[in-house]
Amino acid sequence: MTQTIESTKNKKITKIVTGNHAAAHAFRQANVGVISAYPITPQSPVVEKISDFIAKGKMKARFVKVESEHSALAVCCAASATGSRVGTATSAHGLELMYEMLPWASGNRLPIVINLATRALGGPWSVWTDHQDFMTIRDVGWIQMFVEDNQEIYDTNIQAFKIAEDPRVFLPAIVGYDGYILSHTMMPITLEPQEAIDGFLPPLQHHINLSDISQVKGVDPVTTPHIVKREEGTAPGYYEFRYSLQKALENSINIVKEVHDEFAETFGRSYGNGVYKKYKTEDADTVIFAMGSVASQSRSAIDKMRKDGLKIGLVSLKLFRPFPVSELREYFKQFDNIIVFDRDIGYGHEGVLAYELKAALYGIDHPPFIKGFVIGLGGRNVSDDQIIYGVNQGLKYAENREFSSKTEFIGLKLDELDFLKKGDES
């Protein structure tokens, strides 16, 4: 559902839209040429809106209907290799069904953009949000960004194409946002003039572009463990391809920040430094580290805790892959304590953000105390009280110097399960 409420000067348009429709508008204004998708809750309205744009002549693009998400990403890979700007959207098990194709996209350096309306993974089945699906693809070579509101969905999609298509990058990117909390919630957003978007995001100059038959190109070569030398040239081995992918992903942090800063200067909206966002950290000795809906809720909890005299702030992570190690090491060294809230689990260990941050800060002088909690899985409500409880518990651990990687859950209601004996949490 979309409702126009205001047409402002300079051709900016303000609309009240859902997060899904914000993503669709970004695709339309980015002049995406090929979209292929398969419906899945809660992302379906993204591609439904795009198909509506195409049907009404508001978007010049080819929409390829397929029988599964695996096929959708296969189509996207093929279309990208022929030089088109390409995108799609999915959620949860749709993303899992794409999994085989995800490393093919990154390995061939195809600048595809996926919108992920996050949803808990089964089984058991759940259509409500958490961040598990987003986390499961952290090792397939994609740039991964997570956002907090509908304007940021729109803005980050525009930036994502520019980042992915930069010749120094040429990697696919995924924009994650909480299912239902953003995907189906309406907020006012600003749609920029098309001329301004075109000036910021120039046409794609693809490094492969198989549609250009003036130059013979190869895609998906069968590689060997070693470099192969022939008269016509030297072919890299598999190891060299992996090295190139890793270096491009590592170096993309600088491009992410460059594009963010250019966007901020052009359109007047910024999101921290493009890597993370800060809230009331200036005088804080303790900070919360979180993403998406958990970070958003933390702002309200922080305001309450500050009224009680606690010097606490928030660092909301926007760029998850590549993980911004240097930036976080530099910024977090000033704090005494970090309380991490994960809306996911690194099964067999602890929350993914918690152990990623611990690894990133390993070895710095006078490291902050880090304590992680799991919260809000499967759409379970995340409240101010839960966040405040977690902070207080974390500070008790810090005071006693109790270091633990134990998975601790906030918001469980085991005492309401009749078949569990009291005290049995197994």
Protein backbone atom coordinates (compact mmCIF):
# COMPACT_ATOMS: atom_id res chain seq x y z
CA MET A 1 0.00 0.00 0.00
CA THR A 2 1.30 3.46 -0.94
CA GLN A 3 -0.21 6.87 -0.25
CA THR A 4 1.13 10.12 -1.68
CA ILE A 5 0.84 12.90 0.89
CA GLU A 6 2.99 15.71 -0.46
CA SER A 7 4.77 16.91 -3.57
CA THR A 8 7.61 19.15 -2.49
CA LYS A 9 9.74 21.62 -4.41
CA ASN A 10 12.71 20.50 -6.48
CA LYS A 11 10.63 17.53 -7.62
CA LYS A 12 11.20 15.57 -4.44
CA ILE A 13 8.16 13.46 -3.62
CA THR A 14 7.13 12.40 -0.13
CA LYS A 15 5.16 9.18 0.09
CA ILE A 16 3.92 6.99 2.90
CA VAL A 17 5.05 3.52 1.90
CA THR A 18 5.87 0.12 3.34
CA GLY A 19 9.47 -1.00 3.52
CA ASN A 20 8.83 -3.43 0.68
CA HIS A 21 7.51 -0.65 -1.54
CA ALA A 22 10.46 1.56 -0.61
CA ALA A 23 12.71 -1.16 -2.02
CA ALA A 24 10.56 -1.41 -5.16
CA HIS A 25 10.76 2.35 -5.74
CA ALA A 26 14.54 2.20 -5.37
CA PHE A 27 14.72 -0.53 -8.04
CA ARG A 28 12.51 1.54 -10.33
CA GLN A 29 14.63 4.65 -9.97
CA ALA A 30 17.87 2.70 -10.23
CA ASN A 31 16.73 1.64 -13.72
CA VAL A 32 17.10 -2.04 -12.98
CA GLY A 33 16.84 -3.84 -16.32
CA VAL A 34 16.08 -7.42 -15.28
CA ILE A 35 14.22 -8.75 -12.24
CA SER A 36 13.59 -12.41 -11.60
CA ALA A 37 11.87 -13.57 -8.43
CA TYR A 38 9.64 -16.11 -6.76
CA PRO A 39 7.12 -15.00 -4.11
CA ILE A 40 7.72 -15.68 -0.44
CA THR A 41 6.39 -14.02 2.71
CA PRO A 42 7.24 -11.33 3.76
CA GLN A 43 9.05 -10.02 0.67
CA SER A 44 6.40 -10.72 -1.99
CA PRO A 45 5.08 -7.12 -2.13
CA VAL A 46 8.53 -5.98 -3.34
CA VAL A 47 8.32 -7.87 -6.61
CA GLU A 48 4.55 -7.45 -6.87
CA LYS A 49 5.05 -3.67 -6.84
CA ILE A 50 7.87 -3.93 -9.38
CA SER A 51 5.66 -5.98 -11.71
CA ASP A 52 2.98 -3.31 -11.32
CA PHE A 53 5.47 -0.60 -12.27
CA ILE A 54 6.42 -2.57 -15.39
CA ALA A 55 2.82 -3.33 -16.36
CA LYS A 56 1.89 0.37 -16.11
CA GLY A 57 4.91 1.50 -18.12
CA LYS A 58 6.55 3.23 -15.17
CA MET A 59 9.60 0.97 -15.32
CA LYS A 60 11.35 -0.29 -18.43
CA ALA A 61 12.53 -3.73 -17.37
CA ARG A 62 12.14 -7.43 -18.04
CA PHE A 63 10.44 -9.43 -15.28
CA VAL A 64 11.28 -13.13 -15.59
CA LYS A 65 8.85 -15.45 -13.81
CA VAL A 66 10.36 -18.70 -12.57
CA GLU A 67 9.42 -21.76 -10.55
CA SER A 68 11.76 -21.26 -7.58
CA GLU A 69 14.22 -18.92 -5.90
CA HIS A 70 17.11 -21.03 -7.15
CA SER A 71 15.99 -20.36 -10.70
CA ALA A 72 15.43 -16.68 -9.89
CA LEU A 73 19.04 -16.15 -8.89
CA ALA A 74 20.24 -18.28 -11.83
CA VAL A 75 18.37 -15.91 -14.15
CA CYS A 76 19.84 -12.92 -12.34
CA CYS A 77 23.36 -14.29 -12.77
CA ALA A 78 22.84 -14.86 -16.49
CA ALA A 79 21.25 -11.44 -17.00
CA SER A 80 24.04 -9.71 -15.08
CA ALA A 81 26.69 -11.48 -17.15
CA THR A 82 25.11 -10.02 -20.30
CA GLY A 83 25.55 -6.49 -18.95
CA SER A 84 22.17 -5.71 -17.37
CA ARG A 85 21.59 -4.05 -14.01
CA VAL A 86 19.89 -6.83 -12.06
CA GLY A 87 18.09 -7.30 -8.76
CA THR A 88 15.67 -9.51 -6.85
CA ALA A 89 14.16 -10.00 -3.40
CA THR A 90 13.59 -12.93 -1.09
CA SER A 91 13.25 -14.12 2.51
CA ALA A 92 14.30 -17.04 4.73
CA HIS A 93 13.99 -20.35 2.89
CA GLY A 94 13.88 -18.55 -0.42
CA LEU A 95 17.38 -17.31 0.33
CA GLU A 96 18.39 -20.80 1.42
CA LEU A 97 17.12 -22.20 -1.88
CA MET A 98 19.29 -19.62 -3.66
CA TYR A 99 22.31 -20.76 -1.69
CA GLU A 100 23.95 -22.78 -4.46
CA MET A 101 23.94 -19.73 -6.73
CA LEU A 102 25.16 -17.19 -4.15
CA PRO A 103 28.87 -18.11 -4.43
CA TRP A 104 28.54 -18.31 -8.23
CA ALA A 105 27.37 -14.70 -8.26
CA SER A 106 30.24 -13.48 -6.10
CA GLY A 107 32.83 -15.76 -7.71
CA ASN A 108 31.99 -14.34 -11.13
CA ARG A 109 31.94 -10.82 -9.68
CA LEU A 110 28.35 -10.09 -10.73
CA PRO A 111 26.96 -6.86 -9.17
CA ILE A 112 23.48 -8.18 -8.33
CA VAL A 113 21.45 -6.60 -5.50
CA ILE A 114 19.08 -8.65 -3.33
CA ASN A 115 16.56 -7.22 -0.89
CA LEU A 116 16.08 -9.55 2.07
CA ALA A 117 12.99 -9.05 4.21
CA THR A 118 14.26 -11.13 7.10
CA ARG A 119 12.30 -14.07 8.45
CA ALA A 120 13.05 -16.85 10.90
CA LEU A 121 14.20 -20.17 9.47
CA GLY A 122 12.31 -23.42 9.97
CA GLY A 123 11.74 -25.82 11.36
CA PRO A 124 9.45 -25.25 13.02
CA TRP A 125 7.85 -22.88 10.53
CA SER A 126 7.75 -19.18 11.34
CA VAL A 127 6.96 -16.22 9.12
CA TRP A 128 8.05 -13.62 11.70
CA THR A 129 11.33 -11.80 11.83
CA ASP A 130 14.74 -12.53 13.18
CA HIS A 131 18.17 -12.21 11.55
CA GLN A 132 19.12 -15.85 11.10
CA ASP A 133 18.59 -15.92 7.33
CA PHE A 134 20.77 -12.83 6.89
CA MET A 135 23.54 -14.38 8.97
CA THR A 136 23.60 -17.74 7.19
CA ILE A 137 25.15 -16.28 4.03
CA ARG A 138 28.08 -14.52 5.68
CA ASP A 139 30.67 -16.74 3.99
CA VAL A 140 29.61 -16.61 0.33
CA GLY A 141 31.38 -13.42 -0.69
CA TRP A 142 28.49 -10.92 -0.76
CA ILE A 143 28.48 -7.38 0.63
CA GLN A 144 25.85 -7.37 3.40
CA MET A 145 24.13 -4.28 4.78
CA PHE A 146 21.33 -4.01 7.35
CA VAL A 147 18.98 -1.05 7.81
CA GLU A 148 16.61 0.36 10.42
CA ASP A 149 13.81 2.26 8.63
CA ASN A 150 12.07 2.59 5.29
CA GLN A 151 13.97 5.67 4.14
CA GLU A 152 17.17 3.78 4.78
CA ILE A 153 15.87 0.86 2.68
CA TYR A 154 15.37 3.21 -0.27
CA ASP A 155 18.65 5.06 0.20
CA THR A 156 20.74 1.94 0.80
CA ASN A 157 19.43 0.23 -2.32
CA ILE A 158 20.50 3.17 -4.46
CA GLN A 159 23.92 3.08 -2.80
CA ALA A 160 24.14 -0.71 -3.07
CA PHE A 161 24.05 -0.65 -6.89
CA LYS A 162 26.74 2.04 -7.01
CA ILE A 163 28.95 0.11 -4.58
CA ALA A 164 28.46 -3.26 -6.28
CA GLU A 165 29.12 -1.85 -9.76
CA ASP A 166 32.26 0.07 -8.82
CA PRO A 167 35.18 -1.33 -10.91
CA ARG A 168 37.18 -1.67 -7.70
CA VAL A 169 34.47 -3.96 -6.32
CA PHE A 170 32.25 -5.83 -8.82
CA LEU A 171 30.56 -7.89 -6.13
CA PRO A 172 26.91 -8.67 -5.35
CA ALA A 173 25.24 -6.98 -2.38
CA ILE A 174 22.32 -7.74 -0.11
CA VAL A 175 20.20 -5.19 1.75
CA GLY A 176 18.57 -6.70 4.84
CA TYR A 177 15.61 -5.31 6.77
CA ASP A 178 13.27 -6.78 9.36
CA GLY A 179 10.27 -8.63 8.00
CA TYR A 180 6.90 -7.11 8.99
CA ILE A 181 8.55 -4.61 11.35
CA LEU A 182 9.68 -2.72 8.24
CA SER A 183 8.48 -4.76 5.26
CA HIS A 184 4.78 -4.17 6.00
CA THR A 185 4.94 -1.03 8.15
CA MET A 186 4.19 2.31 6.47
CA MET A 187 6.47 5.31 6.98
CA PRO A 188 6.97 8.57 5.12
CA ILE A 189 9.97 8.54 2.79
CA THR A 190 11.45 10.98 0.33
CA LEU A 191 11.77 9.85 -3.29
CA GLU A 192 14.47 11.83 -5.03
CA PRO A 193 14.08 13.36 -8.52
CA GLN A 194 14.93 10.86 -11.24
CA GLU A 195 17.51 13.20 -12.74
CA ALA A 196 19.30 13.40 -9.40
CA ILE A 197 19.32 9.61 -9.05
CA ASP A 198 20.63 9.26 -12.61
CA GLY A 199 23.40 11.71 -11.81
CA PHE A 200 24.38 9.76 -8.72
CA LEU A 201 24.03 6.28 -10.26
CA PRO A 202 25.38 6.20 -13.83
CA PRO A 203 24.63 3.35 -16.27
CA LEU A 204 26.35 0.05 -15.52
CA GLN A 205 29.66 -0.53 -17.27
CA HIS A 206 29.95 -4.28 -16.80
CA HIS A 207 33.32 -5.99 -16.79
CA ILE A 208 31.93 -9.10 -18.52
CA ASN A 209 28.96 -8.02 -20.70
CA LEU A 210 28.54 -11.12 -22.85
CA SER A 211 26.16 -9.17 -25.08
CA ASP A 212 29.21 -7.40 -26.50
CA ILE A 213 30.31 -10.01 -29.04
CA SER A 214 33.20 -7.92 -30.34
CA GLN A 215 35.37 -9.50 -27.67
CA VAL A 216 35.33 -13.17 -26.76
CA LYS A 217 35.02 -13.75 -23.01
CA GLY A 218 34.92 -16.75 -20.76
CA VAL A 219 32.72 -17.19 -17.68
CA ASP A 220 32.88 -19.93 -15.03
CA PRO A 221 36.17 -21.50 -16.14
CA VAL A 222 37.11 -24.92 -14.83
CA THR A 223 40.19 -24.16 -12.77
CA THR A 224 43.01 -26.34 -11.52
CA PRO A 225 44.85 -26.16 -8.21
CA HIS A 226 47.77 -24.51 -10.00
CA ILE A 227 48.38 -21.71 -12.49
CA VAL A 228 48.21 -22.91 -16.09
CA LYS A 229 50.52 -21.36 -18.68
CA ARG A 230 49.63 -21.58 -22.36
CA GLU A 231 50.73 -19.80 -25.51
CA GLU A 232 47.57 -17.70 -25.52
CA GLY A 233 48.08 -16.61 -21.92
CA THR A 234 48.39 -17.58 -18.26
CA ALA A 235 45.27 -18.78 -16.42
CA PRO A 236 44.95 -18.27 -12.65
CA GLY A 237 44.40 -21.27 -10.43
CA TYR A 238 41.42 -21.59 -8.08
CA TYR A 239 43.52 -20.22 -5.22
CA GLU A 240 44.22 -16.97 -7.10
CA PHE A 241 40.51 -16.50 -7.85
CA ARG A 242 39.69 -16.86 -4.12
CA TYR A 243 42.43 -14.38 -3.22
CA SER A 244 41.03 -11.83 -5.68
CA LEU A 245 37.51 -12.20 -4.27
CA GLN A 246 38.70 -11.80 -0.68
CA LYS A 247 40.78 -8.69 -1.44
CA ALA A 248 37.90 -7.08 -3.35
CA LEU A 249 35.56 -7.72 -0.44
CA GLU A 250 38.04 -6.36 2.10
CA ASN A 251 38.74 -3.26 0.01
CA SER A 252 35.04 -2.60 -0.58
CA ILE A 253 34.79 -1.01 2.90
CA ASN A 254 36.45 2.11 1.53
CA ILE A 255 34.04 2.23 -1.41
CA VAL A 256 31.06 1.75 0.94
CA LYS A 257 32.19 4.81 2.89
CA GLU A 258 32.92 6.83 -0.25
CA VAL A 259 29.50 6.12 -1.76
CA HIS A 260 27.75 6.84 1.53
CA ASP A 261 29.51 10.19 1.85
CA GLU A 262 28.72 11.11 -1.76
CA PHE A 263 25.07 10.19 -1.20
CA ALA A 264 24.96 12.28 1.98
CA GLU A 265 26.44 15.29 0.20
CA THR A 266 24.09 14.90 -2.77
CA PHE A 267 20.80 14.16 -0.97
CA GLY A 268 21.35 15.41 2.57
CA ARG A 269 20.78 12.11 4.40
CA SER A 270 23.49 10.12 6.15
CA TYR A 271 23.73 6.94 8.19
CA GLY A 272 26.69 7.33 10.50
CA ASN A 273 29.80 6.73 8.43
CA GLY A 274 28.11 4.17 6.18
CA VAL A 275 29.54 1.36 8.29
CA TYR A 276 27.92 1.96 11.68
CA LYS A 277 25.61 4.53 13.30
CA LYS A 278 26.04 6.05 16.76
CA TYR A 279 23.50 7.15 19.35
CA LYS A 280 24.44 9.04 22.54
CA THR A 281 27.95 7.59 22.68
CA GLU A 282 29.81 10.86 23.30
CA ASP A 283 30.06 10.50 27.09
CA ALA A 284 29.22 6.78 27.33
CA ASP A 285 31.34 4.20 29.11
CA THR A 286 29.00 1.36 28.08
CA VAL A 287 27.52 0.80 24.61
CA ILE A 288 25.00 -1.56 23.09
CA PHE A 289 26.03 -3.26 19.83
CA ALA A 290 23.13 -4.44 17.65
CA MET A 291 21.52 -4.35 14.19
CA GLY A 292 18.17 -3.52 12.65
CA SER A 293 15.06 -3.71 14.82
CA VAL A 294 17.07 -4.47 17.96
CA ALA A 295 19.19 -1.36 17.45
CA SER A 296 16.04 0.71 16.88
CA GLN A 297 14.43 -0.54 20.10
CA SER A 298 17.68 0.06 21.98
CA ARG A 299 17.40 3.81 21.42
CA SER A 300 14.23 3.95 23.53
CA ALA A 301 15.80 1.79 26.25
CA ILE A 302 18.92 3.97 26.28
CA ASP A 303 16.84 7.10 26.87
CA LYS A 304 15.26 5.44 29.93
CA MET A 305 18.60 4.20 31.30
CA ARG A 306 20.17 7.63 30.90
CA LYS A 307 17.39 9.14 33.01
CA ASP A 308 18.56 6.75 35.74
CA GLY A 309 22.11 8.04 35.41
CA LEU A 310 23.67 5.30 33.29
CA LYS A 311 26.14 6.59 30.71
CA ILE A 312 25.19 4.32 27.84
CA GLY A 313 24.97 4.63 24.06
CA LEU A 314 24.44 2.56 20.93
CA VAL A 315 26.52 1.44 17.97
CA SER A 316 24.17 0.13 15.28
CA LEU A 317 26.03 -1.98 12.72
CA LYS A 318 25.06 -1.21 9.12
CA LEU A 319 27.81 -3.07 7.23
CA PHE A 320 28.09 -6.69 8.31
CA ARG A 321 30.15 -8.04 5.42
CA PRO A 322 32.89 -7.22 4.99
CA PHE A 323 33.08 -7.02 8.77
CA PRO A 324 34.60 -3.59 9.56
CA VAL A 325 37.34 -4.79 11.91
CA SER A 326 39.63 -1.76 11.73
CA GLU A 327 36.80 0.72 12.16
CA LEU A 328 35.36 -1.11 15.17
CA ARG A 329 38.76 -1.63 16.81
CA GLU A 330 39.46 2.08 16.55
CA TYR A 331 36.07 3.19 17.85
CA PHE A 332 35.41 0.63 20.58
CA LYS A 333 38.75 1.03 22.33
CA GLN A 334 37.38 4.04 24.26
CA PHE A 335 34.60 2.11 26.03
CA ASP A 336 34.64 0.00 29.18
CA ASN A 337 31.77 -2.37 28.35
CA ILE A 338 29.92 -3.58 25.26
CA ILE A 339 26.57 -5.37 25.56
CA VAL A 340 25.70 -7.24 22.36
CA PHE A 341 22.14 -8.21 21.44
CA ASP A 342 21.78 -10.80 18.68
CA ARG A 343 18.51 -11.62 16.95
CA ASP A 344 20.19 -14.79 15.73
CA ILE A 345 22.24 -17.71 17.03
CA GLY A 346 25.61 -18.99 15.87
CA TYR A 347 24.49 -22.54 16.63
CA GLY A 348 26.97 -24.36 18.82
CA HIS A 349 28.58 -21.13 19.98
CA GLU A 350 26.75 -17.85 20.82
CA GLY A 351 25.19 -14.93 18.98
CA VAL A 352 26.97 -14.17 15.71
CA LEU A 353 27.49 -10.45 16.36
CA ALA A 354 28.93 -11.25 19.79
CA TYR A 355 31.58 -13.66 18.60
CA GLU A 356 32.38 -11.61 15.49
CA LEU A 357 33.01 -8.57 17.69
CA LYS A 358 35.11 -10.54 20.17
CA ALA A 359 37.29 -11.77 17.33
CA ALA A 360 37.55 -8.28 15.83
CA LEU A 361 38.70 -6.69 19.11
CA TYR A 362 41.11 -9.47 20.06
CA GLY A 363 44.52 -8.17 21.03
CA ILE A 364 43.76 -4.46 21.46
CA ASP A 365 45.22 -2.71 24.48
CA HIS A 366 42.79 -2.48 27.41
CA PRO A 367 39.93 -4.22 25.59
CA PRO A 368 36.35 -3.51 26.64
CA PHE A 369 34.36 -6.19 28.45
CA ILE A 370 31.96 -7.87 26.01
CA LYS A 371 28.82 -9.77 26.94
CA GLY A 372 26.31 -11.09 24.45
CA PHE A 373 22.63 -12.04 24.68
CA VAL A 374 20.19 -13.66 22.24
CA ILE A 375 16.85 -11.91 21.95
CA GLY A 376 13.66 -11.81 19.89
CA LEU A 377 13.93 -15.00 17.84
CA GLY A 378 11.00 -15.90 15.60
CA GLY A 379 9.36 -12.51 16.02
CA ARG A 380 9.23 -12.62 19.83
CA ASN A 381 8.72 -9.06 21.00
CA VAL A 382 11.84 -7.10 21.95
CA SER A 383 11.02 -4.56 24.67
CA ASP A 384 12.81 -1.79 26.52
CA ASP A 385 12.58 -3.84 29.71
CA GLN A 386 14.36 -6.79 28.09
CA ILE A 387 17.18 -4.60 26.80
CA ILE A 388 17.53 -2.86 30.16
CA TYR A 389 17.62 -6.25 31.89
CA GLY A 390 20.34 -7.44 29.52
CA VAL A 391 22.43 -4.34 30.09
CA ASN A 392 22.16 -4.69 33.87
CA GLN A 393 23.07 -8.36 33.71
CA GLY A 394 26.00 -7.60 31.45
CA LEU A 395 27.28 -4.94 33.81
CA LYS A 396 27.12 -7.43 36.69
CA TYR A 397 29.28 -9.81 34.67
CA ALA A 398 31.67 -6.95 33.94
CA GLU A 399 31.90 -5.94 37.62
CA ASN A 400 32.77 -9.51 38.59
CA ARG A 401 35.00 -9.99 35.50
CA GLU A 402 33.05 -13.09 34.53
CA PHE A 403 34.02 -13.87 30.95
CA SER A 404 31.68 -16.29 29.26
CA SER A 405 30.61 -17.39 25.77
CA LYS A 406 27.56 -19.11 27.20
CA THR A 407 24.46 -18.56 25.08
CA GLU A 408 22.08 -16.56 27.24
CA PHE A 409 18.50 -15.95 26.10
CA ILE A 410 16.35 -13.00 27.07
CA GLY A 411 12.56 -13.22 26.76
CA LEU A 412 12.15 -16.99 27.08
CA LYS A 413 8.97 -18.14 28.85
CA LEU A 414 9.91 -21.64 29.91
CA ASP A 415 7.95 -21.25 33.13
CA GLU A 416 4.73 -21.15 31.08
CA LEU A 417 5.38 -24.59 29.56
CA ASP A 418 3.48 -27.11 31.69
CA PHE A 419 5.48 -30.10 30.46
CA LEU A 420 8.76 -28.67 31.70
CA LYS A 421 9.71 -29.21 35.28
CA LYS A 422 10.65 -26.05 37.10
CA GLY A 423 14.33 -25.32 36.70
CA ASP A 424 14.79 -27.70 33.76
CA GLU A 425 16.01 -25.63 30.81
CA SER A 426 17.39 -28.50 28.76
